[in-house]
Amino acid sequence: MATELKNTSDKKSRASKSKPKTYKYDFLVIGSGIAGMTFALKAGRHGKVALICKTTLDEANTALAQGGVASVTNLEVDDFEKHIKDTMVAGDYLSDPKAVEMVVKGAPEGIRNLIGWGVHFDKNEDGNFDLHREGGHSEFRILHHADNTGFEIQRGLIESVKADSNIDIFEHHFAIEIITQHHLGRIVSRRTPDITCYGAYILNEETGNVEKFISRVTVMATGGVGAVYHTTTNPLVATGDGIAMVYRAKGQISDMEFIQFHPTALYHPGDRPSFLITEAMRGYGAVLRNKKGEEFMHRYDPRLSLAPRDIVARAIDNEMKIHGDDHVYLDVTHKDAEETKHHFPNIYKKCLELGIDITKDYIPVAPAAHYLCGGIKVDLNGESSIKHLYALGECSCTGLHGGNRLASNSLIEAVVYADAAAKHATENIGHYDLRTDVPDWNDEGTSHPEEMVLIRQSLKEVNQIMGTYVGIVRSNLRLDRAWNRLDILYEETEKLFKRSKASREICELRNVINVGYLIMRQAKERRESRGLHYTVDYPPLNPQHAE
């Protein structure tokens, strides 16, 4: 396992003394959240697995998920058809019905898998799951572990992964590009049929070397794109790396315009990422108020504070613009204080550290970039348009979420699709060969980038462009302006990349620019207001969605 990089000068001196390594594995998994680790645990029964971690095994979007996991478990009041309908409605009927049915019906087995790996979910006094309800759900079906469900899932999976001798963990390894025919001297275009993935070039941050990981099967599980925006609930490692790599390899990318902004991130300027105030708190009974203390959701949707996230986020955005405010409030002061502290101990603790007692004070909240509904297009087996390359979790576009993700559907999607991908990959891996003719990474004529200040400044500019012009409410004029400004940054960054030795910083900048471009392009192509994509140039047909 790689050790943590201590300083840049040490890295450069070690790099001069060592040669890049070549690794060969049956399965290469890039990303260590719930999707990547679930696949690794399933695939590890059939071959050797390399699990690539950008930083450490515990830093992933999964660990920050507070609310829980959606699954039908209380059959006395709930059933699959209700969950399917709720998902389709939330997705503005853009969801793929086959994907929705597969995830909803596969959810109970996914829950059993998680429990088998040591994950604990809260239960009530009679021994049944203590279920929450969140926006867009017609029934109580959210399994949780207090208000840090993601952390508990990550903990359980990490312990299981570490105990599996067939899984090798590579921390502080950063994937730069996937290996395709292009690297073997063949010309690859977006019209080229049968593009195949043979592994990836991966930067070992301890040595500074770009190493070859050759594999029969490669899995992208790199998470989301939240760090493309300045205000986000995602960890700052969420720079869309997997999506950008697959796009550059001519793979199919879909639905990037559907960026979900969580309505209630804790408003505390200076915090990046923003602390999430789970939607379960609104399911528990919390009420949204503007800075005057007035409830306002009745003006936007009959479901009030439990409307789907896209509607709530736009409502908050509109209230802030109308009054010139930088946040609104979430009020849970009318609920029993001890019960509130019991259900939301981490939120209570975090807010108290900032001088906010949520049992007595309103919680200042504002929307923040939270989840990507689109990504690498995959089929029901989780396989992308590139052969032998699967994509799982937030970086994938399965069709489940459509125009807007239903709360708590994402974690269970990752488990169900990881299972499907593992089954498909292990059934077919006997037909996949390990390539022996992959060349080393070519960095001839490059040098270490000395102008790190330029990279950091460019990243800030991307964040500003995306937040200002490609946010909750869009227009053709805003998208055109963003496009023109991002194009300048793209040209500058590509020139810098070509003359620089590979570093995580320059690669992340390159990736966020690629992802920003994809979001803008697909937003421009969708000439309607639908789901999370709201544009003033195409007012929604449903007046309930209007601002």
Protein backbone atom coordinates (compact mmCIF):
# COMPACT_ATOMS: atom_id res chain seq x y z
CA MET A 1 0.00 0.00 0.00
CA ALA A 2 1.31 3.43 -0.88
CA THR A 3 2.22 5.74 1.96
CA GLU A 4 1.28 9.39 2.23
CA LEU A 5 3.38 11.90 0.32
CA LYS A 6 5.23 14.11 2.77
CA ASN A 7 6.66 16.84 0.53
CA THR A 8 7.29 17.65 -3.10
CA SER A 9 11.07 17.70 -2.92
CA ASP A 10 11.12 14.17 -1.46
CA LYS A 11 8.86 13.02 -4.27
CA LYS A 12 11.13 14.43 -6.96
CA SER A 13 14.27 12.91 -5.44
CA ARG A 14 12.65 9.48 -5.08
CA ALA A 15 11.28 9.68 -8.62
CA SER A 16 14.79 10.07 -10.02
CA LYS A 17 15.87 6.86 -8.27
CA SER A 18 12.97 4.60 -9.24
CA LYS A 19 11.46 3.40 -12.48
CA PRO A 20 7.73 3.27 -13.20
CA LYS A 21 6.17 -0.07 -12.36
CA THR A 22 3.78 -2.18 -14.38
CA TYR A 23 0.96 -3.97 -12.54
CA LYS A 24 -1.34 -6.66 -13.93
CA TYR A 25 -4.73 -7.41 -12.40
CA ASP A 26 -7.94 -9.15 -13.31
CA PHE A 27 -9.96 -6.16 -12.06
CA LEU A 28 -8.88 -2.53 -11.79
CA VAL A 29 -11.27 -0.42 -9.68
CA ILE A 30 -10.69 3.33 -9.74
CA GLY A 31 -12.46 4.87 -6.74
CA SER A 32 -13.08 3.73 -3.19
CA GLY A 33 -16.62 4.77 -2.32
CA ILE A 34 -19.59 2.46 -1.88
CA ALA A 35 -19.69 1.55 -5.58
CA GLY A 36 -15.99 0.75 -5.94
CA MET A 37 -15.72 -1.22 -2.73
CA THR A 38 -18.91 -3.19 -3.35
CA PHE A 39 -17.64 -4.23 -6.77
CA ALA A 40 -14.20 -5.08 -5.34
CA LEU A 41 -15.71 -7.32 -2.67
CA LYS A 42 -17.86 -9.15 -5.24
CA ALA A 43 -15.11 -9.44 -7.87
CA GLY A 44 -12.50 -10.47 -5.32
CA ARG A 45 -14.15 -13.88 -5.17
CA HIS A 46 -13.13 -14.45 -8.79
CA GLY A 47 -9.71 -12.84 -9.20
CA LYS A 48 -7.19 -10.26 -8.06
CA VAL A 49 -8.42 -6.69 -7.61
CA ALA A 50 -6.50 -3.41 -7.54
CA LEU A 51 -8.45 -0.71 -5.66
CA ILE A 52 -7.18 2.77 -6.54
CA CYS A 53 -7.69 5.58 -4.00
CA LYS A 54 -7.06 9.17 -5.00
CA THR A 55 -6.21 10.06 -1.41
CA THR A 56 -7.07 7.61 1.37
CA LEU A 57 -9.56 4.78 1.53
CA ASP A 58 -11.96 6.74 3.70
CA GLU A 59 -12.21 9.96 1.66
CA ALA A 60 -15.24 9.61 -0.60
CA ASN A 61 -18.66 11.16 -1.13
CA THR A 62 -20.14 8.05 0.49
CA ALA A 63 -18.76 9.01 3.90
CA LEU A 64 -20.56 12.38 3.77
CA ALA A 65 -24.01 10.96 3.00
CA GLN A 66 -26.15 11.75 6.03
CA GLY A 67 -29.70 10.79 5.18
CA GLY A 68 -29.68 7.10 4.39
CA VAL A 69 -30.51 4.36 1.91
CA ALA A 70 -33.89 3.96 0.21
CA SER A 71 -35.40 0.48 0.17
CA VAL A 72 -38.85 -1.02 0.55
CA THR A 73 -38.79 -2.95 3.82
CA ASN A 74 -42.10 -2.23 5.57
CA LEU A 75 -44.42 -4.29 3.38
CA GLU A 76 -47.47 -3.46 5.55
CA VAL A 77 -47.66 0.05 4.05
CA ASP A 78 -45.04 0.15 1.27
CA ASP A 79 -44.37 -1.74 -1.95
CA PHE A 80 -42.12 -1.67 -5.01
CA GLU A 81 -44.70 0.08 -7.19
CA LYS A 82 -44.85 3.06 -4.81
CA HIS A 83 -41.06 3.39 -4.79
CA ILE A 84 -40.96 3.10 -8.59
CA LYS A 85 -43.63 5.78 -8.99
CA ASP A 86 -41.88 8.14 -6.55
CA THR A 87 -38.64 7.73 -8.50
CA MET A 88 -40.29 8.39 -11.86
CA VAL A 89 -42.11 11.46 -10.57
CA ALA A 90 -38.97 12.92 -8.99
CA GLY A 91 -37.03 12.26 -12.23
CA ASP A 92 -39.66 14.21 -14.19
CA TYR A 93 -40.41 11.00 -16.12
CA LEU A 94 -36.99 11.05 -17.77
CA SER A 95 -35.85 8.01 -15.79
CA ASP A 96 -35.33 4.70 -17.58
CA PRO A 97 -38.16 2.44 -16.31
CA LYS A 98 -35.96 -0.67 -16.61
CA ALA A 99 -33.21 0.89 -14.50
CA VAL A 100 -35.76 2.08 -11.93
CA GLU A 101 -37.34 -1.36 -11.62
CA MET A 102 -33.94 -3.04 -11.36
CA VAL A 103 -32.76 -0.81 -8.51
CA VAL A 104 -36.01 -0.72 -6.56
CA LYS A 105 -36.52 -4.49 -6.71
CA GLY A 106 -32.83 -5.17 -6.05
CA ALA A 107 -32.67 -2.82 -3.06
CA PRO A 108 -33.64 -5.30 -0.30
CA GLU A 109 -30.90 -7.73 -1.41
CA GLY A 110 -28.46 -4.79 -1.52
CA ILE A 111 -29.35 -3.95 2.08
CA ARG A 112 -28.72 -7.55 3.09
CA ASN A 113 -25.31 -7.39 1.41
CA LEU A 114 -24.38 -4.24 3.33
CA ILE A 115 -25.45 -5.77 6.62
CA GLY A 116 -23.42 -8.86 5.75
CA TRP A 117 -20.35 -6.63 5.39
CA GLY A 118 -20.86 -5.26 8.89
CA VAL A 119 -22.92 -2.14 8.21
CA HIS A 120 -25.38 -1.24 10.98
CA PHE A 121 -28.74 0.48 10.47
CA ASP A 122 -30.81 1.93 13.32
CA LYS A 123 -33.73 -0.10 14.59
CA ASN A 124 -36.66 0.83 16.82
CA GLU A 125 -37.74 -0.86 20.04
CA ASP A 126 -39.61 -3.68 18.29
CA GLY A 127 -36.51 -4.65 16.28
CA ASN A 128 -37.65 -3.29 12.93
CA PHE A 129 -35.71 -0.73 10.93
CA ASP A 130 -36.22 2.84 12.15
CA LEU A 131 -37.32 4.32 8.85
CA HIS A 132 -37.14 7.99 7.85
CA ARG A 133 -39.05 9.77 5.12
CA GLU A 134 -37.48 12.30 2.78
CA GLY A 135 -38.68 14.70 0.09
CA GLY A 136 -40.43 13.01 -2.84
CA HIS A 137 -41.04 9.73 -0.98
CA SER A 138 -44.66 8.74 -0.36
CA GLU A 139 -43.72 6.39 2.50
CA PHE A 140 -41.18 6.00 5.29
CA ARG A 141 -38.50 3.85 3.59
CA ILE A 142 -35.12 5.42 4.40
CA LEU A 143 -32.79 3.17 6.40
CA HIS A 144 -30.20 5.16 8.32
CA HIS A 145 -27.56 5.16 11.01
CA ALA A 146 -28.30 8.29 13.07
CA ASP A 147 -27.40 11.19 10.72
CA ASN A 148 -24.10 9.76 9.47
CA THR A 149 -25.26 6.78 7.42
CA GLY A 150 -22.61 7.22 4.74
CA PHE A 151 -19.83 7.18 7.30
CA GLU A 152 -21.18 3.95 8.77
CA ILE A 153 -21.40 2.32 5.32
CA GLN A 154 -17.86 3.43 4.47
CA ARG A 155 -16.60 2.06 7.81
CA GLY A 156 -18.16 -1.34 7.29
CA LEU A 157 -16.96 -1.68 3.71
CA ILE A 158 -13.42 -0.54 4.54
CA GLU A 159 -13.11 -3.22 7.23
CA SER A 160 -14.32 -5.88 4.78
CA VAL A 161 -12.04 -4.69 1.96
CA LYS A 162 -8.98 -4.63 4.21
CA ALA A 163 -9.73 -8.18 5.33
CA ASP A 164 -9.92 -9.49 1.73
CA SER A 165 -6.55 -10.88 0.61
CA ASN A 166 -7.61 -10.70 -3.04
CA ILE A 167 -7.92 -6.90 -2.92
CA ASP A 168 -4.77 -4.76 -3.09
CA ILE A 169 -5.29 -1.15 -1.97
CA PHE A 170 -3.30 1.66 -3.59
CA GLU A 171 -3.72 4.92 -1.65
CA HIS A 172 -2.49 8.27 -2.98
CA HIS A 173 -2.65 6.98 -6.55
CA PHE A 174 -4.25 9.27 -9.12
CA ALA A 175 -5.67 7.94 -12.41
CA ILE A 176 -4.61 10.08 -15.37
CA GLU A 177 -5.98 8.31 -18.45
CA ILE A 178 -7.55 4.98 -19.34
CA ILE A 179 -5.59 2.87 -21.82
CA THR A 180 -7.30 2.20 -25.18
CA GLN A 181 -6.29 1.46 -28.79
CA HIS A 182 -5.17 5.09 -29.01
CA HIS A 183 -2.17 4.29 -26.81
CA LEU A 184 -1.33 1.30 -29.01
CA GLY A 185 -0.95 3.51 -32.07
CA ARG A 186 -4.46 3.20 -33.46
CA ILE A 187 -6.59 6.21 -34.34
CA VAL A 188 -9.71 6.38 -32.18
CA SER A 189 -12.64 8.71 -32.88
CA ARG A 190 -16.13 9.01 -31.42
CA ARG A 191 -17.37 7.02 -34.43
CA THR A 192 -14.85 4.22 -33.90
CA PRO A 193 -16.73 1.02 -33.05
CA ASP A 194 -15.49 -1.32 -30.38
CA ILE A 195 -13.19 0.96 -28.41
CA THR A 196 -11.68 -1.24 -25.70
CA CYS A 197 -10.15 -0.40 -22.32
CA TYR A 198 -7.00 -2.25 -21.23
CA GLY A 199 -6.36 -0.54 -17.89
CA ALA A 200 -5.11 2.90 -16.89
CA TYR A 201 -2.07 5.11 -16.46
CA ILE A 202 -1.92 6.02 -12.77
CA LEU A 203 0.28 8.53 -10.97
CA ASN A 204 1.97 7.21 -7.82
CA GLU A 205 2.13 10.39 -5.75
CA GLU A 206 4.78 8.93 -3.45
CA THR A 207 7.31 8.42 -6.25
CA GLY A 208 6.02 10.87 -8.85
CA ASN A 209 6.01 8.07 -11.43
CA VAL A 210 3.16 7.32 -13.83
CA GLU A 211 2.65 3.57 -13.62
CA LYS A 212 0.80 1.14 -15.88
CA PHE A 213 -2.07 -0.83 -14.43
CA ILE A 214 -3.01 -3.45 -17.02
CA SER A 215 -6.32 -5.20 -16.39
CA ARG A 216 -8.88 -7.46 -17.98
CA VAL A 217 -11.72 -5.36 -16.52
CA THR A 218 -11.63 -1.69 -15.50
CA VAL A 219 -14.24 -0.02 -13.30
CA MET A 220 -14.77 3.72 -12.95
CA ALA A 221 -16.16 4.54 -9.52
CA THR A 222 -14.67 8.02 -9.16
CA GLY A 223 -17.68 9.82 -7.71
CA GLY A 224 -19.15 13.16 -8.66
CA VAL A 225 -18.25 16.62 -9.88
CA GLY A 226 -19.14 18.88 -6.95
CA ALA A 227 -15.71 20.54 -6.81
CA VAL A 228 -16.40 22.05 -10.23
CA TYR A 229 -18.51 24.51 -8.18
CA HIS A 230 -17.17 26.63 -5.35
CA THR A 231 -20.15 25.98 -3.08
CA THR A 232 -20.55 22.22 -2.74
CA THR A 233 -21.27 19.55 -0.16
CA ASN A 234 -18.85 17.16 -1.90
CA PRO A 235 -15.30 16.51 -0.72
CA LEU A 236 -12.87 18.54 -2.81
CA VAL A 237 -11.57 15.36 -4.46
CA ALA A 238 -14.85 15.25 -6.46
CA THR A 239 -13.36 16.75 -9.64
CA GLY A 240 -15.08 14.49 -12.18
CA ASP A 241 -11.91 12.57 -13.02
CA GLY A 242 -13.55 9.39 -14.29
CA ILE A 243 -16.05 11.23 -16.48
CA ALA A 244 -13.30 13.39 -17.99
CA MET A 245 -11.08 10.35 -18.68
CA VAL A 246 -13.88 8.45 -20.40
CA TYR A 247 -14.88 11.52 -22.42
CA ARG A 248 -11.31 11.96 -23.65
CA ALA A 249 -11.28 8.25 -24.57
CA LYS A 250 -14.37 8.87 -26.77
CA GLY A 251 -16.83 7.18 -24.42
CA GLN A 252 -20.50 8.19 -24.23
CA ILE A 253 -21.43 10.80 -21.58
CA SER A 254 -25.09 11.67 -20.89
CA ASP A 255 -27.38 13.93 -18.83
CA MET A 256 -24.62 16.20 -17.50
CA GLU A 257 -27.03 19.13 -17.38
CA PHE A 258 -28.81 17.56 -14.41
CA ILE A 259 -26.79 18.87 -11.46
CA GLN A 260 -28.64 18.48 -8.17
CA PHE A 261 -28.18 21.33 -5.75
CA HIS A 262 -28.97 20.23 -2.22
CA PRO A 263 -31.42 22.81 -0.87
CA THR A 264 -30.11 22.88 2.68
CA ALA A 265 -26.37 23.13 3.10
CA LEU A 266 -25.31 24.90 6.28
CA TYR A 267 -24.56 28.52 5.44
CA HIS A 268 -21.19 29.32 6.96
CA PRO A 269 -18.97 31.35 4.60
CA GLY A 270 -15.44 30.02 4.46
CA ASP A 271 -16.39 26.35 4.83
CA ARG A 272 -15.54 24.31 1.73
CA PRO A 273 -17.08 21.82 1.38
CA SER A 274 -20.31 23.01 2.93
CA PHE A 275 -21.75 20.97 5.79
CA LEU A 276 -24.90 19.15 4.75
CA ILE A 277 -28.18 19.46 6.64
CA THR A 278 -29.86 16.20 5.68
CA GLU A 279 -33.22 16.15 3.95
CA ALA A 280 -34.34 13.76 6.65
CA MET A 281 -34.62 16.77 8.92
CA ARG A 282 -37.42 18.11 6.73
CA GLY A 283 -38.96 14.65 6.75
CA TYR A 284 -38.77 14.85 10.54
CA GLY A 285 -40.78 18.08 10.45
CA ALA A 286 -38.37 20.98 9.95
CA VAL A 287 -39.85 23.97 8.13
CA LEU A 288 -38.19 26.38 5.69
CA ARG A 289 -38.47 30.10 6.45
CA ASN A 290 -37.07 33.21 4.80
CA LYS A 291 -34.98 35.72 6.74
CA LYS A 292 -38.16 37.46 7.86
CA GLY A 293 -39.18 34.24 9.55
CA GLU A 294 -41.99 33.57 7.08
CA GLU A 295 -42.79 30.14 5.68
CA PHE A 296 -42.68 30.27 1.88
CA MET A 297 -42.87 26.79 0.35
CA HIS A 298 -46.66 26.99 -0.03
CA ARG A 299 -46.03 29.49 -2.85
CA TYR A 300 -44.07 26.89 -4.83
CA ASP A 301 -45.44 23.41 -4.24
CA PRO A 302 -48.32 21.76 -2.35
CA ARG A 303 -45.84 19.31 -0.81
CA LEU A 304 -44.28 22.26 1.01
CA SER A 305 -40.85 21.52 2.49
CA LEU A 306 -41.08 17.88 1.38
CA ALA A 307 -41.20 18.68 -2.34
CA PRO A 308 -38.43 17.15 -4.50
CA ARG A 309 -35.03 18.79 -4.23
CA ASP A 310 -35.09 20.61 -7.56
CA ILE A 311 -38.27 22.47 -6.61
CA VAL A 312 -37.06 23.26 -3.08
CA ALA A 313 -33.66 24.47 -4.31
CA ARG A 314 -35.23 26.79 -6.91
CA ALA A 315 -37.71 28.08 -4.33
CA ILE A 316 -34.90 28.94 -1.91
CA ASP A 317 -32.87 30.49 -4.75
CA ASN A 318 -35.86 32.61 -5.72
CA GLU A 319 -36.53 33.75 -2.13
CA MET A 320 -32.89 34.75 -1.75
CA LYS A 321 -32.98 36.76 -5.00
CA ILE A 322 -36.30 38.45 -4.17
CA HIS A 323 -35.08 39.65 -0.78
CA GLY A 324 -31.39 40.06 -1.63
CA ASP A 325 -30.41 37.52 1.03
CA ASP A 326 -27.53 35.04 1.07
CA HIS A 327 -29.44 32.32 2.92
CA VAL A 328 -32.79 31.23 4.35
CA TYR A 329 -33.56 29.28 7.53
CA LEU A 330 -34.53 25.75 8.48
CA ASP A 331 -36.67 25.71 11.63
CA VAL A 332 -36.82 22.61 13.81
CA THR A 333 -37.35 24.46 17.11
CA HIS A 334 -40.99 23.28 17.41
CA LYS A 335 -39.90 19.63 17.73
CA ASP A 336 -38.97 17.93 21.01
CA ALA A 337 -35.40 19.00 21.84
CA GLU A 338 -34.16 15.64 23.13
CA GLU A 339 -35.69 13.78 20.20
CA THR A 340 -34.01 16.18 17.77
CA LYS A 341 -30.62 15.68 19.40
CA HIS A 342 -31.14 11.91 19.32
CA HIS A 343 -32.00 11.81 15.62
CA PHE A 344 -29.43 14.36 14.44
CA PRO A 345 -26.48 14.24 16.85
CA ASN A 346 -23.82 15.27 14.34
CA ILE A 347 -25.82 18.18 12.97
CA TYR A 348 -26.56 19.31 16.52
CA LYS A 349 -22.87 19.13 17.41
CA LYS A 350 -21.67 20.92 14.27
CA CYS A 351 -24.16 23.77 14.63
CA LEU A 352 -23.45 24.13 18.37
CA GLU A 353 -19.76 24.61 17.52
CA LEU A 354 -20.86 27.64 15.49
CA GLY A 355 -23.05 29.01 18.28
CA ILE A 356 -26.32 27.65 16.85
CA ASP A 357 -28.49 25.52 19.13
CA ILE A 358 -30.85 23.88 16.63
CA THR A 359 -33.38 23.10 19.37
CA LYS A 360 -33.75 26.87 19.97
CA ASP A 361 -32.31 28.64 16.92
CA TYR A 362 -33.08 28.63 13.23
CA ILE A 363 -30.41 26.99 11.05
CA PRO A 364 -29.06 29.21 8.23
CA VAL A 365 -29.06 27.23 4.97
CA ALA A 366 -28.47 27.79 1.25
CA PRO A 367 -28.32 25.48 -1.79
CA ALA A 368 -25.00 23.87 -2.75
CA ALA A 369 -23.89 21.61 -5.63
CA HIS A 370 -24.51 18.12 -4.33
CA TYR A 371 -25.07 15.34 -6.85
CA LEU A 372 -24.68 14.60 -10.56
CA CYS A 373 -27.54 12.64 -12.11
CA GLY A 374 -25.70 12.12 -15.40
CA GLY A 375 -22.24 10.82 -16.22
CA ILE A 376 -20.74 7.87 -18.07
CA LYS A 377 -23.60 6.18 -19.92
CA VAL A 378 -23.96 2.51 -18.94
CA ASP A 379 -26.34 -0.34 -19.65
CA LEU A 380 -28.15 -2.54 -17.14
CA ASN A 381 -24.89 -4.41 -16.54
CA GLY A 382 -23.07 -1.20 -15.64
CA GLU A 383 -20.93 -1.46 -18.81
CA SER A 384 -20.03 1.70 -20.70
CA SER A 385 -19.84 2.25 -24.46
CA ILE A 386 -16.15 1.29 -24.16
CA LYS A 387 -15.65 -2.46 -23.97
CA HIS A 388 -14.37 -3.98 -20.70
CA LEU A 389 -14.99 -0.62 -18.97
CA TYR A 390 -17.73 -0.35 -16.35
CA ALA A 391 -18.90 2.75 -14.50
CA LEU A 392 -20.62 2.69 -11.12
CA GLY A 393 -21.93 5.14 -8.58
CA GLU A 394 -22.18 8.87 -9.11
CA CYS A 395 -19.84 9.00 -12.11
CA SER A 396 -22.24 6.76 -14.05
CA CYS A 397 -25.50 7.51 -15.82
CA THR A 398 -27.67 4.44 -15.35
CA GLY A 399 -30.95 6.16 -16.19
CA LEU A 400 -32.28 5.71 -12.66
CA HIS A 401 -32.36 9.38 -11.73
CA GLY A 402 -33.63 10.91 -14.96
CA GLY A 403 -33.96 14.66 -14.51
CA ASN A 404 -33.67 14.65 -10.74
CA ARG A 405 -32.49 12.12 -8.15
CA LEU A 406 -35.01 10.98 -5.58
CA ALA A 407 -33.47 11.35 -2.12
CA SER A 408 -31.42 8.39 -0.87
CA ASN A 409 -31.69 6.45 -4.13
CA SER A 410 -28.01 6.92 -4.96
CA LEU A 411 -26.38 4.69 -2.34
CA ILE A 412 -28.62 1.76 -3.15
CA GLU A 413 -28.11 2.34 -6.90
CA ALA A 414 -24.37 1.95 -6.33
CA VAL A 415 -24.82 -1.38 -4.53
CA VAL A 416 -27.31 -2.84 -7.03
CA TYR A 417 -25.31 -1.85 -10.11
CA ALA A 418 -22.03 -2.97 -8.55
CA ASP A 419 -23.59 -6.39 -8.08
CA ALA A 420 -24.85 -6.47 -11.69
CA ALA A 421 -21.47 -5.33 -13.04
CA ALA A 422 -19.57 -7.88 -10.97
CA LYS A 423 -21.81 -10.69 -12.22
CA HIS A 424 -21.43 -9.61 -15.85
CA ALA A 425 -17.68 -9.03 -15.61
CA THR A 426 -16.90 -12.31 -13.87
CA GLU A 427 -19.03 -14.27 -16.33
CA ASN A 428 -17.13 -12.79 -19.28
CA ILE A 429 -13.62 -12.21 -17.95
CA GLY A 430 -12.39 -15.49 -19.44
CA HIS A 431 -12.71 -13.89 -22.87
CA TYR A 432 -10.65 -10.78 -21.92
CA ASP A 433 -6.87 -10.88 -22.34
CA LEU A 434 -4.20 -8.84 -20.57
CA ARG A 435 -2.35 -6.71 -23.12
CA THR A 436 1.42 -7.04 -23.22
CA ASP A 437 2.11 -4.26 -25.73
CA VAL A 438 1.07 -1.18 -23.75
CA PRO A 439 3.82 1.48 -23.88
CA ASP A 440 5.06 3.42 -20.87
CA TRP A 441 3.61 6.85 -20.17
CA ASN A 442 5.40 9.34 -22.39
CA ASP A 443 6.53 12.49 -20.56
CA GLU A 444 9.55 13.21 -22.73
CA GLY A 445 10.34 16.91 -22.95
CA THR A 446 8.19 17.86 -19.97
CA SER A 447 9.12 19.45 -16.65
CA HIS A 448 7.53 19.91 -13.25
CA PRO A 449 5.09 22.85 -13.39
CA GLU A 450 6.57 25.68 -11.36
CA GLU A 451 3.64 28.07 -11.80
CA MET A 452 1.27 26.39 -9.33
CA VAL A 453 -0.30 29.78 -8.69
CA LEU A 454 -1.62 29.73 -12.28
CA ILE A 455 -3.23 26.31 -11.78
CA ARG A 456 -4.89 27.39 -8.54
CA GLN A 457 -6.12 30.65 -10.07
CA SER A 458 -7.54 28.86 -13.10
CA LEU A 459 -9.42 26.46 -10.82
CA LYS A 460 -10.92 29.42 -8.94
CA GLU A 461 -12.01 30.91 -12.26
CA VAL A 462 -13.72 27.65 -13.27
CA ASN A 463 -15.56 27.59 -9.92
CA GLN A 464 -16.67 31.20 -10.40
CA ILE A 465 -17.83 30.64 -13.99
CA MET A 466 -19.86 27.55 -13.09
CA GLY A 467 -21.43 29.08 -9.99
CA THR A 468 -22.36 32.34 -11.71
CA TYR A 469 -23.60 31.10 -15.08
CA VAL A 470 -24.35 27.37 -14.80
CA GLY A 471 -26.14 27.17 -11.46
CA ILE A 472 -29.69 26.49 -10.34
CA VAL A 473 -31.31 28.87 -12.86
CA ARG A 474 -29.77 29.19 -16.33
CA SER A 475 -30.25 31.03 -19.63
CA ASN A 476 -28.78 30.79 -23.11
CA LEU A 477 -26.95 34.07 -22.58
CA ARG A 478 -25.39 32.85 -19.33
CA LEU A 479 -24.36 29.54 -20.90
CA ASP A 480 -22.81 31.30 -23.91
CA ARG A 481 -20.80 33.59 -21.65
CA ALA A 482 -19.62 30.64 -19.56
CA TRP A 483 -18.68 28.74 -22.73
CA ASN A 484 -16.52 31.59 -24.04
CA ARG A 485 -14.70 32.10 -20.76
CA LEU A 486 -14.12 28.40 -20.20
CA ASP A 487 -12.74 28.02 -23.72
CA ILE A 488 -9.87 30.38 -22.87
CA LEU A 489 -9.04 28.37 -19.76
CA TYR A 490 -9.18 25.15 -21.78
CA GLU A 491 -6.59 26.36 -24.31
CA GLU A 492 -4.27 27.64 -21.57
CA THR A 493 -4.53 24.43 -19.56
CA GLU A 494 -3.95 22.07 -22.50
CA LYS A 495 -0.75 23.94 -23.38
CA LEU A 496 0.41 23.74 -19.78
CA PHE A 497 -0.45 20.02 -19.55
CA LYS A 498 1.54 19.14 -22.68
CA ARG A 499 4.72 20.68 -21.32
CA SER A 500 4.29 19.57 -17.69
CA LYS A 501 5.07 16.32 -15.95
CA ALA A 502 1.88 14.71 -14.71
CA SER A 503 0.70 16.06 -11.36
CA ARG A 504 -2.57 15.72 -9.56
CA GLU A 505 -3.07 19.51 -9.65
CA ILE A 506 -2.77 19.98 -13.41
CA CYS A 507 -4.81 16.83 -14.09
CA GLU A 508 -7.63 17.90 -11.77
CA LEU A 509 -7.77 21.32 -13.43
CA ARG A 510 -7.93 19.66 -16.83
CA ASN A 511 -10.72 17.38 -15.62
CA VAL A 512 -12.91 20.10 -14.11
CA ILE A 513 -12.64 22.08 -17.34
CA ASN A 514 -13.68 19.01 -19.36
CA VAL A 515 -16.60 18.40 -17.00
CA GLY A 516 -17.64 22.06 -17.03
CA TYR A 517 -17.69 21.93 -20.82
CA LEU A 518 -19.88 18.81 -20.80
CA ILE A 519 -22.36 20.37 -18.35
CA MET A 520 -22.62 23.52 -20.48
CA ARG A 521 -22.86 21.70 -23.80
CA GLN A 522 -25.59 19.34 -22.70
CA ALA A 523 -27.43 22.18 -20.93
CA LYS A 524 -27.41 24.14 -24.21
CA GLU A 525 -28.70 21.08 -26.08
CA ARG A 526 -31.71 20.61 -23.75
CA ARG A 527 -34.13 23.25 -24.98
CA GLU A 528 -36.67 22.89 -22.20
CA SER A 529 -36.90 23.29 -18.45
CA ARG A 530 -36.97 19.77 -17.14
CA GLY A 531 -35.99 18.28 -13.81
CA LEU A 532 -32.87 19.95 -12.44
CA HIS A 533 -32.23 21.88 -15.65
CA TYR A 534 -34.16 25.15 -15.35
CA THR A 535 -33.70 27.84 -17.99
CA VAL A 536 -35.53 31.17 -18.23
CA ASP A 537 -35.53 30.83 -22.04
CA TYR A 538 -37.80 27.78 -21.90
CA PRO A 539 -40.36 28.23 -19.09
CA PRO A 540 -41.67 24.94 -17.69
CA LEU A 541 -44.95 23.62 -19.05
CA ASN A 542 -46.07 22.65 -15.55
CA PRO A 543 -46.93 25.90 -13.69
CA GLN A 544 -46.20 24.17 -10.39
CA HIS A 545 -42.50 24.30 -11.35
CA ALA A 546 -42.52 28.00 -12.25
CA GLU A 547 -40.53 30.59 -10.35
